Amino acid sequence: MAKRILIKPIISEKAEQLSENHGQYSFVVDKKANKIEIRKAVEAMYNVSVDSVNTAIMPAKAKKRFTRAGTQNGRIQAYKKAIVKLAAGEEIDFFGDI
């Protein structure tokens, strides 16, 4: 069974600034994927050439929500984040159909 390497792009203010100013795009990726697999997956899916890949494992966080019934405790799972830098002049359009 082939593993799914790219899970979803990260759409946040910081990720948007990185993509506009530096040509870097952020993705949530499979925890077991390495940089070579991430590079090949991005190049195959978006038809771009990748200069570099940086990865980081983001730790789990405890969250608390206050409701009428009291507090609800939960957590956000840990995930692996990849920041992909594209070659000069190339870009990925996540919102192409909108």
PDB file of N, CA and C in Angstrom:
ATOM      1  N   MET A   1       0.839  -1.174   0.000  1.00  0.00           N
ATOM      2  CA  MET A   1       0.000   0.000   0.000  1.00  0.00           C
ATOM      3  C   MET A   1       0.890   1.246   0.000  1.00  0.00           C
ATOM      4  N   ALA A   2       0.708   2.087  -0.963  1.00  0.00           N
ATOM      5  CA  ALA A   2       1.498   3.316  -1.071  1.00  0.00           C
ATOM      6  C   ALA A   2       1.005   4.311  -0.027  1.00  0.00           C
ATOM      7  N   LYS A   3       1.962   4.948   0.663  1.00  0.00           N
ATOM      8  CA  LYS A   3       1.542   5.907   1.677  1.00  0.00           C
ATOM      9  C   LYS A   3       1.272   7.263   1.038  1.00  0.00           C
ATOM     10  N   ARG A   4       0.370   7.971   1.640  1.00  0.00           N
ATOM     11  CA  ARG A   4      -0.001   9.304   1.182  1.00  0.00           C
ATOM     12  C   ARG A   4       0.952  10.292   1.838  1.00  0.00           C
ATOM     13  N   ILE A   5       1.794  10.916   1.044  1.00  0.00           N
ATOM     14  CA  ILE A   5       2.854  11.762   1.601  1.00  0.00           C
ATOM     15  C   ILE A   5       2.333  13.154   1.926  1.00  0.00           C
ATOM     16  N   LEU A   6       1.742  13.838   0.959  1.00  0.00           N
ATOM     17  CA  LEU A   6       1.195  15.176   1.199  1.00  0.00           C
ATOM     18  C   LEU A   6      -0.227  15.038   1.733  1.00  0.00           C
ATOM     19  N   ILE A   7      -0.470  15.526   2.933  1.00  0.00           N
ATOM     20  CA  ILE A   7      -1.802  15.420   3.519  1.00  0.00           C
ATOM     21  C   ILE A   7      -2.631  16.650   3.166  1.00  0.00           C
ATOM     22  N   LYS A   8      -2.106  17.858   3.465  1.00  0.00           N
ATOM     23  CA  LYS A   8      -2.825  19.088   3.109  1.00  0.00           C
ATOM     24  C   LYS A   8      -1.870  20.265   3.178  1.00  0.00           C
ATOM     25  N   PRO A   9      -2.143  21.318   2.432  1.00  0.00           N
ATOM     26  CA  PRO A   9      -1.336  22.531   2.558  1.00  0.00           C
ATOM     27  C   PRO A   9      -1.735  23.298   3.818  1.00  0.00           C
ATOM     28  N   ILE A  10      -0.797  24.038   4.368  1.00  0.00           N
ATOM     29  CA  ILE A  10      -1.080  24.861   5.538  1.00  0.00           C
ATOM     30  C   ILE A  10      -1.420  26.260   5.040  1.00  0.00           C
ATOM     31  N   ILE A  11      -2.629  26.705   5.370  1.00  0.00           N
ATOM     32  CA  ILE A  11      -3.098  28.027   4.968  1.00  0.00           C
ATOM     33  C   ILE A  11      -3.204  28.877   6.237  1.00  0.00           C
ATOM     34  N   SER A  12      -2.217  29.724   6.472  1.00  0.00           N
ATOM     35  CA  SER A  12      -2.217  30.632   7.618  1.00  0.00           C
ATOM     36  C   SER A  12      -1.560  31.936   7.175  1.00  0.00           C
ATOM     37  N   GLU A  13      -1.590  32.921   8.043  1.00  0.00           N
ATOM     38  CA  GLU A  13      -0.986  34.203   7.689  1.00  0.00           C
ATOM     39  C   GLU A  13       0.512  34.060   7.464  1.00  0.00           C
ATOM     40  N   LYS A  14       1.171  33.314   8.327  1.00  0.00           N
ATOM     41  CA  LYS A  14       2.610  33.136   8.194  1.00  0.00           C
ATOM     42  C   LYS A  14       2.950  32.360   6.925  1.00  0.00           C
ATOM     43  N   ALA A  15       2.162  31.327   6.614  1.00  0.00           N
ATOM     44  CA  ALA A  15       2.415  30.545   5.405  1.00  0.00           C
ATOM     45  C   ALA A  15       2.178  31.388   4.155  1.00  0.00           C
ATOM     46  N   GLU A  16       1.184  32.246   4.175  1.00  0.00           N
ATOM     47  CA  GLU A  16       0.917  33.121   3.030  1.00  0.00           C
ATOM     48  C   GLU A  16       2.049  34.126   2.820  1.00  0.00           C
ATOM     49  N   GLN A  17       2.584  34.675   3.903  1.00  0.00           N
ATOM     50  CA  GLN A  17       3.708  35.610   3.781  1.00  0.00           C
ATOM     51  C   GLN A  17       4.938  34.916   3.231  1.00  0.00           C
ATOM     52  N   LEU A  18       5.194  33.683   3.678  1.00  0.00           N
ATOM     53  CA  LEU A  18       6.337  32.927   3.157  1.00  0.00           C
ATOM     54  C   LEU A  18       6.194  32.667   1.663  1.00  0.00           C
ATOM     55  N   SER A  19       4.980  32.337   1.234  1.00  0.00           N
ATOM     56  CA  SER A  19       4.788  32.033  -0.182  1.00  0.00           C
ATOM     57  C   SER A  19       4.884  33.290  -1.042  1.00  0.00           C
ATOM     58  N   GLU A  20       4.370  34.408  -0.559  1.00  0.00           N
ATOM     59  CA  GLU A  20       4.420  35.644  -1.345  1.00  0.00           C
ATOM     60  C   GLU A  20       5.827  36.236  -1.403  1.00  0.00           C
ATOM     61  N   ASN A  21       6.526  36.242  -0.285  1.00  0.00           N
ATOM     62  CA  ASN A  21       7.811  36.929  -0.217  1.00  0.00           C
ATOM     63  C   ASN A  21       9.015  36.063  -0.556  1.00  0.00           C
ATOM     64  N   HIS A  22       8.949  34.771  -0.246  1.00  0.00           N
ATOM     65  CA  HIS A  22      10.134  33.935  -0.372  1.00  0.00           C
ATOM     66  C   HIS A  22       9.949  32.709  -1.264  1.00  0.00           C
ATOM     67  N   GLY A  23       8.754  32.470  -1.775  1.00  0.00           N
ATOM     68  CA  GLY A  23       8.524  31.301  -2.619  1.00  0.00           C
ATOM     69  C   GLY A  23       8.564  29.989  -1.852  1.00  0.00           C
ATOM     70  N   GLN A  24       8.175  30.029  -0.554  1.00  0.00           N
ATOM     71  CA  GLN A  24       8.156  28.833   0.282  1.00  0.00           C
ATOM     72  C   GLN A  24       6.711  28.463   0.592  1.00  0.00           C
ATOM     73  N   TYR A  25       6.401  27.171   0.482  1.00  0.00           N
ATOM     74  CA  TYR A  25       5.046  26.685   0.711  1.00  0.00           C
ATOM     75  C   TYR A  25       5.077  25.642   1.808  1.00  0.00           C
ATOM     76  N   SER A  26       4.064  25.654   2.682  1.00  0.00           N
ATOM     77  CA  SER A  26       4.023  24.765   3.843  1.00  0.00           C
ATOM     78  C   SER A  26       2.970  23.689   3.638  1.00  0.00           C
ATOM     79  N   PHE A  27       3.299  22.468   4.040  1.00  0.00           N
ATOM     80  CA  PHE A  27       2.402  21.327   3.920  1.00  0.00           C
ATOM     81  C   PHE A  27       2.441  20.510   5.202  1.00  0.00           C
ATOM     82  N   VAL A  28       1.304  19.888   5.542  1.00  0.00           N
ATOM     83  CA  VAL A  28       1.280  18.835   6.548  1.00  0.00           C
ATOM     84  C   VAL A  28       1.573  17.551   5.791  1.00  0.00           C
ATOM     85  N   VAL A  29       2.571  16.797   6.254  1.00  0.00           N
ATOM     86  CA  VAL A  29       2.994  15.588   5.552  1.00  0.00           C
ATOM     87  C   VAL A  29       2.941  14.397   6.492  1.00  0.00           C
ATOM     88  N   ASP A  30       3.078  13.207   5.910  1.00  0.00           N
ATOM     89  CA  ASP A  30       3.120  11.973   6.680  1.00  0.00           C
ATOM     90  C   ASP A  30       4.335  12.004   7.606  1.00  0.00           C
ATOM     91  N   LYS A  31       4.160  11.534   8.844  1.00  0.00           N
ATOM     92  CA  LYS A  31       5.254  11.594   9.820  1.00  0.00           C
ATOM     93  C   LYS A  31       6.452  10.754   9.412  1.00  0.00           C
ATOM     94  N   LYS A  32       6.237   9.716   8.623  1.00  0.00           N
ATOM     95  CA  LYS A  32       7.335   8.830   8.237  1.00  0.00           C
ATOM     96  C   LYS A  32       7.982   9.221   6.913  1.00  0.00           C
ATOM     97  N   ALA A  33       7.471  10.257   6.254  1.00  0.00           N
ATOM     98  CA  ALA A  33       8.025  10.684   4.962  1.00  0.00           C
ATOM     99  C   ALA A  33       9.337  11.423   5.170  1.00  0.00           C
ATOM    100  N   ASN A  34      10.306  11.163   4.276  1.00  0.00           N
ATOM    101  CA  ASN A  34      11.571  11.879   4.359  1.00  0.00           C
ATOM    102  C   ASN A  34      11.588  13.004   3.321  1.00  0.00           C
ATOM    103  N   LYS A  35      12.668  13.790   3.315  1.00  0.00           N
ATOM    104  CA  LYS A  35      12.733  14.977   2.461  1.00  0.00           C
ATOM    105  C   LYS A  35      12.724  14.619   0.978  1.00  0.00           C
ATOM    106  N   ILE A  36      13.337  13.518   0.614  1.00  0.00           N
ATOM    107  CA  ILE A  36      13.378  13.112  -0.791  1.00  0.00           C
ATOM    108  C   ILE A  36      11.983  12.741  -1.284  1.00  0.00           C
ATOM    109  N   GLU A  37      11.235  12.000  -0.457  1.00  0.00           N
ATOM    110  CA  GLU A  37       9.866  11.624  -0.833  1.00  0.00           C
ATOM    111  C   GLU A  37       8.966  12.852  -0.922  1.00  0.00           C
ATOM    112  N   ILE A  38       9.148  13.807  -0.012  1.00  0.00           N
ATOM    113  CA  ILE A  38       8.339  15.028  -0.034  1.00  0.00           C
ATOM    114  C   ILE A  38       8.644  15.827  -1.298  1.00  0.00           C
ATOM    115  N   ARG A  39       9.914  15.940  -1.661  1.00  0.00           N
ATOM    116  CA  ARG A  39      10.309  16.661  -2.878  1.00  0.00           C
ATOM    117  C   ARG A  39       9.663  16.031  -4.105  1.00  0.00           C
ATOM    118  N   LYS A  40       9.724  14.714  -4.230  1.00  0.00           N
ATOM    119  CA  LYS A  40       9.154  14.029  -5.398  1.00  0.00           C
ATOM    120  C   LYS A  40       7.636  14.173  -5.446  1.00  0.00           C
ATOM    121  N   ALA A  41       6.987  14.132  -4.271  1.00  0.00           N
ATOM    122  CA  ALA A  41       5.525  14.260  -4.229  1.00  0.00           C
ATOM    123  C   ALA A  41       5.069  15.650  -4.663  1.00  0.00           C
ATOM    124  N   VAL A  42       5.763  16.700  -4.209  1.00  0.00           N
ATOM    125  CA  VAL A  42       5.392  18.074  -4.580  1.00  0.00           C
ATOM    126  C   VAL A  42       5.646  18.298  -6.067  1.00  0.00           C
ATOM    127  N   GLU A  43       6.782  17.821  -6.565  1.00  0.00           N
ATOM    128  CA  GLU A  43       7.087  17.992  -7.987  1.00  0.00           C
ATOM    129  C   GLU A  43       6.081  17.258  -8.859  1.00  0.00           C
ATOM    130  N   ALA A  44       5.639  16.072  -8.441  1.00  0.00           N
ATOM    131  CA  ALA A  44       4.679  15.306  -9.233  1.00  0.00           C
ATOM    132  C   ALA A  44       3.278  15.914  -9.177  1.00  0.00           C
ATOM    133  N   MET A  45       2.869  16.388  -8.009  1.00  0.00           N
ATOM    134  CA  MET A  45       1.500  16.877  -7.858  1.00  0.00           C
ATOM    135  C   MET A  45       1.302  18.257  -8.475  1.00  0.00           C
ATOM    136  N   TYR A  46       2.275  19.154  -8.342  1.00  0.00           N
ATOM    137  CA  TYR A  46       2.093  20.538  -8.767  1.00  0.00           C
ATOM    138  C   TYR A  46       2.914  20.920  -9.995  1.00  0.00           C
ATOM    139  N   ASN A  47       3.697  20.017 -10.566  1.00  0.00           N
ATOM    140  CA  ASN A  47       4.515  20.267 -11.757  1.00  0.00           C
ATOM    141  C   ASN A  47       5.423  21.488 -11.593  1.00  0.00           C
ATOM    142  N   VAL A  48       6.182  21.508 -10.503  1.00  0.00           N
ATOM    143  CA  VAL A  48       7.142  22.566 -10.218  1.00  0.00           C
ATOM    144  C   VAL A  48       8.474  21.918  -9.867  1.00  0.00           C
ATOM    145  N   SER A  49       9.541  22.711  -9.859  1.00  0.00           N
ATOM    146  CA  SER A  49      10.834  22.187  -9.421  1.00  0.00           C
ATOM    147  C   SER A  49      11.140  22.736  -8.027  1.00  0.00           C
ATOM    148  N   VAL A  50      11.575  21.848  -7.148  1.00  0.00           N
ATOM    149  CA  VAL A  50      11.794  22.170  -5.745  1.00  0.00           C
ATOM    150  C   VAL A  50      13.284  22.387  -5.504  1.00  0.00           C
ATOM    151  N   ASP A  51      13.627  23.507  -4.839  1.00  0.00           N
ATOM    152  CA  ASP A  51      15.016  23.778  -4.469  1.00  0.00           C
ATOM    153  C   ASP A  51      15.399  23.080  -3.176  1.00  0.00           C
ATOM    154  N   SER A  52      14.596  23.258  -2.131  1.00  0.00           N
ATOM    155  CA  SER A  52      14.945  22.665  -0.839  1.00  0.00           C
ATOM    156  C   SER A  52      13.688  22.307  -0.061  1.00  0.00           C
ATOM    157  N   VAL A  53      13.869  21.403   0.899  1.00  0.00           N
ATOM    158  CA  VAL A  53      12.781  20.968   1.766  1.00  0.00           C
ATOM    159  C   VAL A  53      13.284  21.021   3.202  1.00  0.00           C
ATOM    160  N   ASN A  54      12.561  21.722   4.067  1.00  0.00           N
ATOM    161  CA  ASN A  54      12.835  21.737   5.501  1.00  0.00           C
ATOM    162  C   ASN A  54      11.657  21.097   6.212  1.00  0.00           C
ATOM    163  N   THR A  55      11.939  20.267   7.217  1.00  0.00           N
ATOM    164  CA  THR A  55      10.866  19.592   7.940  1.00  0.00           C
ATOM    165  C   THR A  55      10.970  19.877   9.425  1.00  0.00           C
ATOM    166  N   ALA A  56       9.826  19.798  10.097  1.00  0.00           N
ATOM    167  CA  ALA A  56       9.770  19.962  11.550  1.00  0.00           C
ATOM    168  C   ALA A  56       8.595  19.156  12.069  1.00  0.00           C
ATOM    169  N   ILE A  57       8.787  18.504  13.202  1.00  0.00           N
ATOM    170  CA  ILE A  57       7.688  17.795  13.844  1.00  0.00           C
ATOM    171  C   ILE A  57       7.111  18.727  14.897  1.00  0.00           C
ATOM    172  N   MET A  58       5.865  19.110  14.697  1.00  0.00           N
ATOM    173  CA  MET A  58       5.193  20.033  15.595  1.00  0.00           C
ATOM    174  C   MET A  58       4.612  19.227  16.757  1.00  0.00           C
ATOM    175  N   PRO A  59       4.841  19.644  18.007  1.00  0.00           N
ATOM    176  CA  PRO A  59       4.391  18.856  19.156  1.00  0.00           C
ATOM    177  C   PRO A  59       2.889  18.951  19.363  1.00  0.00           C
ATOM    178  N   ALA A  60       2.358  17.980  20.092  1.00  0.00           N
ATOM    179  CA  ALA A  60       0.946  17.987  20.448  1.00  0.00           C
ATOM    180  C   ALA A  60       0.689  19.107  21.450  1.00  0.00           C
ATOM    181  N   LYS A  61      -0.533  19.656  21.427  1.00  0.00           N
ATOM    182  CA  LYS A  61      -0.883  20.742  22.335  1.00  0.00           C
ATOM    183  C   LYS A  61      -2.154  20.381  23.091  1.00  0.00           C
ATOM    184  N   ALA A  62      -2.196  20.739  24.360  1.00  0.00           N
ATOM    185  CA  ALA A  62      -3.403  20.565  25.158  1.00  0.00           C
ATOM    186  C   ALA A  62      -4.314  21.768  24.928  1.00  0.00           C
ATOM    187  N   LYS A  63      -5.589  21.516  24.747  1.00  0.00           N
ATOM    188  CA  LYS A  63      -6.559  22.582  24.535  1.00  0.00           C
ATOM    189  C   LYS A  63      -7.678  22.459  25.564  1.00  0.00           C
ATOM    190  N   LYS A  64      -8.251  23.598  25.931  1.00  0.00           N
ATOM    191  CA  LYS A  64      -9.349  23.647  26.877  1.00  0.00           C
ATOM    192  C   LYS A  64     -10.449  24.502  26.287  1.00  0.00           C
ATOM    193  N   ARG A  65     -11.692  24.028  26.374  1.00  0.00           N
ATOM    194  CA  ARG A  65     -12.827  24.800  25.882  1.00  0.00           C
ATOM    195  C   ARG A  65     -13.830  24.948  27.014  1.00  0.00           C
ATOM    196  N   PHE A  66     -14.269  26.174  27.223  1.00  0.00           N
ATOM    197  CA  PHE A  66     -15.191  26.456  28.305  1.00  0.00           C
ATOM    198  C   PHE A  66     -16.618  26.495  27.752  1.00  0.00           C
ATOM    199  N   THR A  67     -17.506  25.673  28.308  1.00  0.00           N
ATOM    200  CA  THR A  67     -18.894  25.602  27.871  1.00  0.00           C
ATOM    201  C   THR A  67     -19.811  25.775  29.081  1.00  0.00           C
ATOM    202  N   ARG A  68     -21.103  25.774  28.822  1.00  0.00           N
ATOM    203  CA  ARG A  68     -22.062  25.870  29.918  1.00  0.00           C
ATOM    204  C   ARG A  68     -21.972  24.672  30.853  1.00  0.00           C
ATOM    205  N   ALA A  69     -21.680  23.522  30.282  1.00  0.00           N
ATOM    206  CA  ALA A  69     -21.620  22.292  31.073  1.00  0.00           C
ATOM    207  C   ALA A  69     -20.291  22.152  31.820  1.00  0.00           C
ATOM    208  N   GLY A  70     -19.374  23.089  31.632  1.00  0.00           N
ATOM    209  CA  GLY A  70     -18.075  23.015  32.295  1.00  0.00           C
ATOM    210  C   GLY A  70     -16.962  23.052  31.270  1.00  0.00           C
ATOM    211  N   THR A  71     -15.787  22.683  31.698  1.00  0.00           N
ATOM    212  CA  THR A  71     -14.654  22.711  30.783  1.00  0.00           C
ATOM    213  C   THR A  71     -14.511  21.360  30.086  1.00  0.00           C
ATOM    214  N   GLN A  72     -14.123  21.411  28.834  1.00  0.00           N
ATOM    215  CA  GLN A  72     -13.838  20.204  28.068  1.00  0.00           C
ATOM    216  C   GLN A  72     -12.369  20.229  27.713  1.00  0.00           C
ATOM    217  N   ASN A  73     -11.665  19.198  28.116  1.00  0.00           N
ATOM    218  CA  ASN A  73     -10.243  19.107  27.842  1.00  0.00           C
ATOM    219  C   ASN A  73     -10.012  18.215  26.633  1.00  0.00           C
ATOM    220  N   GLY A  74      -9.055  18.594  25.817  1.00  0.00           N
ATOM    221  CA  GLY A  74      -8.716  17.806  24.641  1.00  0.00           C
ATOM    222  C   GLY A  74      -7.294  18.113  24.236  1.00  0.00           C
ATOM    223  N   ARG A  75      -6.910  17.593  23.093  1.00  0.00           N
ATOM    224  CA  ARG A  75      -5.565  17.864  22.610  1.00  0.00           C
ATOM    225  C   ARG A  75      -5.541  17.833  21.097  1.00  0.00           C
ATOM    226  N   ILE A  76      -4.571  18.557  20.555  1.00  0.00           N
ATOM    227  CA  ILE A  76      -4.324  18.543  19.118  1.00  0.00           C
ATOM    228  C   ILE A  76      -3.144  17.617  18.894  1.00  0.00           C
ATOM    229  N   GLN A  77      -3.275  16.699  17.942  1.00  0.00           N
ATOM    230  CA  GLN A  77      -2.227  15.720  17.699  1.00  0.00           C
ATOM    231  C   GLN A  77      -0.972  16.358  17.134  1.00  0.00           C
ATOM    232  N   ALA A  78       0.151  15.703  17.347  1.00  0.00           N
ATOM    233  CA  ALA A  78       1.406  16.127  16.753  1.00  0.00           C
ATOM    234  C   ALA A  78       1.375  15.823  15.255  1.00  0.00           C
ATOM    235  N   TYR A  79       2.078  16.635  14.462  1.00  0.00           N
ATOM    236  CA  TYR A  79       2.127  16.414  13.021  1.00  0.00           C
ATOM    237  C   TYR A  79       3.480  16.865  12.493  1.00  0.00           C
ATOM    238  N   LYS A  80       3.781  16.433  11.282  1.00  0.00           N
ATOM    239  CA  LYS A  80       5.031  16.823  10.643  1.00  0.00           C
ATOM    240  C   LYS A  80       4.724  17.882   9.600  1.00  0.00           C
ATOM    241  N   LYS A  81       5.508  18.963   9.630  1.00  0.00           N
ATOM    242  CA  LYS A  81       5.319  20.079   8.712  1.00  0.00           C
ATOM    243  C   LYS A  81       6.525  20.156   7.791  1.00  0.00           C
ATOM    244  N   ALA A  82       6.273  20.367   6.513  1.00  0.00           N
ATOM    245  CA  ALA A  82       7.343  20.531   5.545  1.00  0.00           C
ATOM    246  C   ALA A  82       7.216  21.903   4.905  1.00  0.00           C
ATOM    247  N   ILE A  83       8.324  22.640   4.856  1.00  0.00           N
ATOM    248  CA  ILE A  83       8.369  23.929   4.173  1.00  0.00           C
ATOM    249  C   ILE A  83       9.215  23.730   2.924  1.00  0.00           C
ATOM    250  N   VAL A  84       8.568  23.889   1.767  1.00  0.00           N
ATOM    251  CA  VAL A  84       9.185  23.587   0.478  1.00  0.00           C
ATOM    252  C   VAL A  84       9.509  24.893  -0.230  1.00  0.00           C
ATOM    253  N   LYS A  85      10.767  25.059  -0.635  1.00  0.00           N
ATOM    254  CA  LYS A  85      11.166  26.250  -1.390  1.00  0.00           C
ATOM    255  C   LYS A  85      11.241  25.882  -2.863  1.00  0.00           C
ATOM    256  N   LEU A  86      10.542  26.667  -3.693  1.00  0.00           N
ATOM    257  CA  LEU A  86      10.504  26.402  -5.129  1.00  0.00           C
ATOM    258  C   LEU A  86      11.606  27.173  -5.841  1.00  0.00           C
ATOM    259  N   ALA A  87      11.863  26.767  -7.070  1.00  0.00           N
ATOM    260  CA  ALA A  87      12.838  27.467  -7.900  1.00  0.00           C
ATOM    261  C   ALA A  87      12.317  28.868  -8.213  1.00  0.00           C
ATOM    262  N   ALA A  88      13.204  29.756  -8.575  1.00  0.00           N
ATOM    263  CA  ALA A  88      12.833  31.151  -8.848  1.00  0.00           C
ATOM    264  C   ALA A  88      11.834  31.219  -9.999  1.00  0.00           C
ATOM    265  N   GLY A  89      10.786  32.015  -9.826  1.00  0.00           N
ATOM    266  CA  GLY A  89       9.801  32.217 -10.876  1.00  0.00           C
ATOM    267  C   GLY A  89       8.664  31.206 -10.885  1.00  0.00           C
ATOM    268  N   GLU A  90       8.681  30.211 -10.008  1.00  0.00           N
ATOM    269  CA  GLU A  90       7.609  29.220  -9.978  1.00  0.00           C
ATOM    270  C   GLU A  90       6.732  29.464  -8.764  1.00  0.00           C
ATOM    271  N   GLU A  91       5.467  29.089  -8.888  1.00  0.00           N
ATOM    272  CA  GLU A  91       4.531  29.246  -7.778  1.00  0.00           C
ATOM    273  C   GLU A  91       3.465  28.170  -7.845  1.00  0.00           C
ATOM    274  N   ILE A  92       2.818  27.938  -6.699  1.00  0.00           N
ATOM    275  CA  ILE A  92       1.712  26.986  -6.591  1.00  0.00           C
ATOM    276  C   ILE A  92       0.464  27.808  -6.307  1.00  0.00           C
ATOM    277  N   ASP A  93      -0.612  27.542  -7.052  1.00  0.00           N
ATOM    278  CA  ASP A  93      -1.870  28.255  -6.848  1.00  0.00           C
ATOM    279  C   ASP A  93      -2.863  27.297  -6.190  1.00  0.00           C
ATOM    280  N   PHE A  94      -3.032  27.432  -4.867  1.00  0.00           N
ATOM    281  CA  PHE A  94      -3.974  26.575  -4.120  1.00  0.00           C
ATOM    282  C   PHE A  94      -5.413  26.942  -4.408  1.00  0.00           C
ATOM    283  N   PHE A  95      -5.688  28.191  -4.752  1.00  0.00           N
ATOM    284  CA  PHE A  95      -7.043  28.675  -4.925  1.00  0.00           C
ATOM    285  C   PHE A  95      -7.357  28.914  -6.403  1.00  0.00           C
ATOM    286  N   GLY A  96      -6.946  28.030  -7.277  1.00  0.00           N
ATOM    287  CA  GLY A  96      -7.086  28.233  -8.715  1.00  0.00           C
ATOM    288  C   GLY A  96      -8.524  28.263  -9.204  1.00  0.00           C
ATOM    289  N   ASP A  97      -9.418  27.447  -8.625  1.00  0.00           N
ATOM    290  CA  ASP A  97     -10.784  27.344  -9.125  1.00  0.00           C
ATOM    291  C   ASP A  97     -11.737  28.307  -8.439  1.00  0.00           C
ATOM    292  N   ILE A  98     -11.279  28.987  -7.414  1.00  0.00           N
ATOM    293  CA  ILE A  98     -12.186  29.866  -6.660  1.00  0.00           C
ATOM    294  C   ILE A  98     -12.233  31.228  -7.312  1.00  0.00           C
TER     295      ILE A  98
END
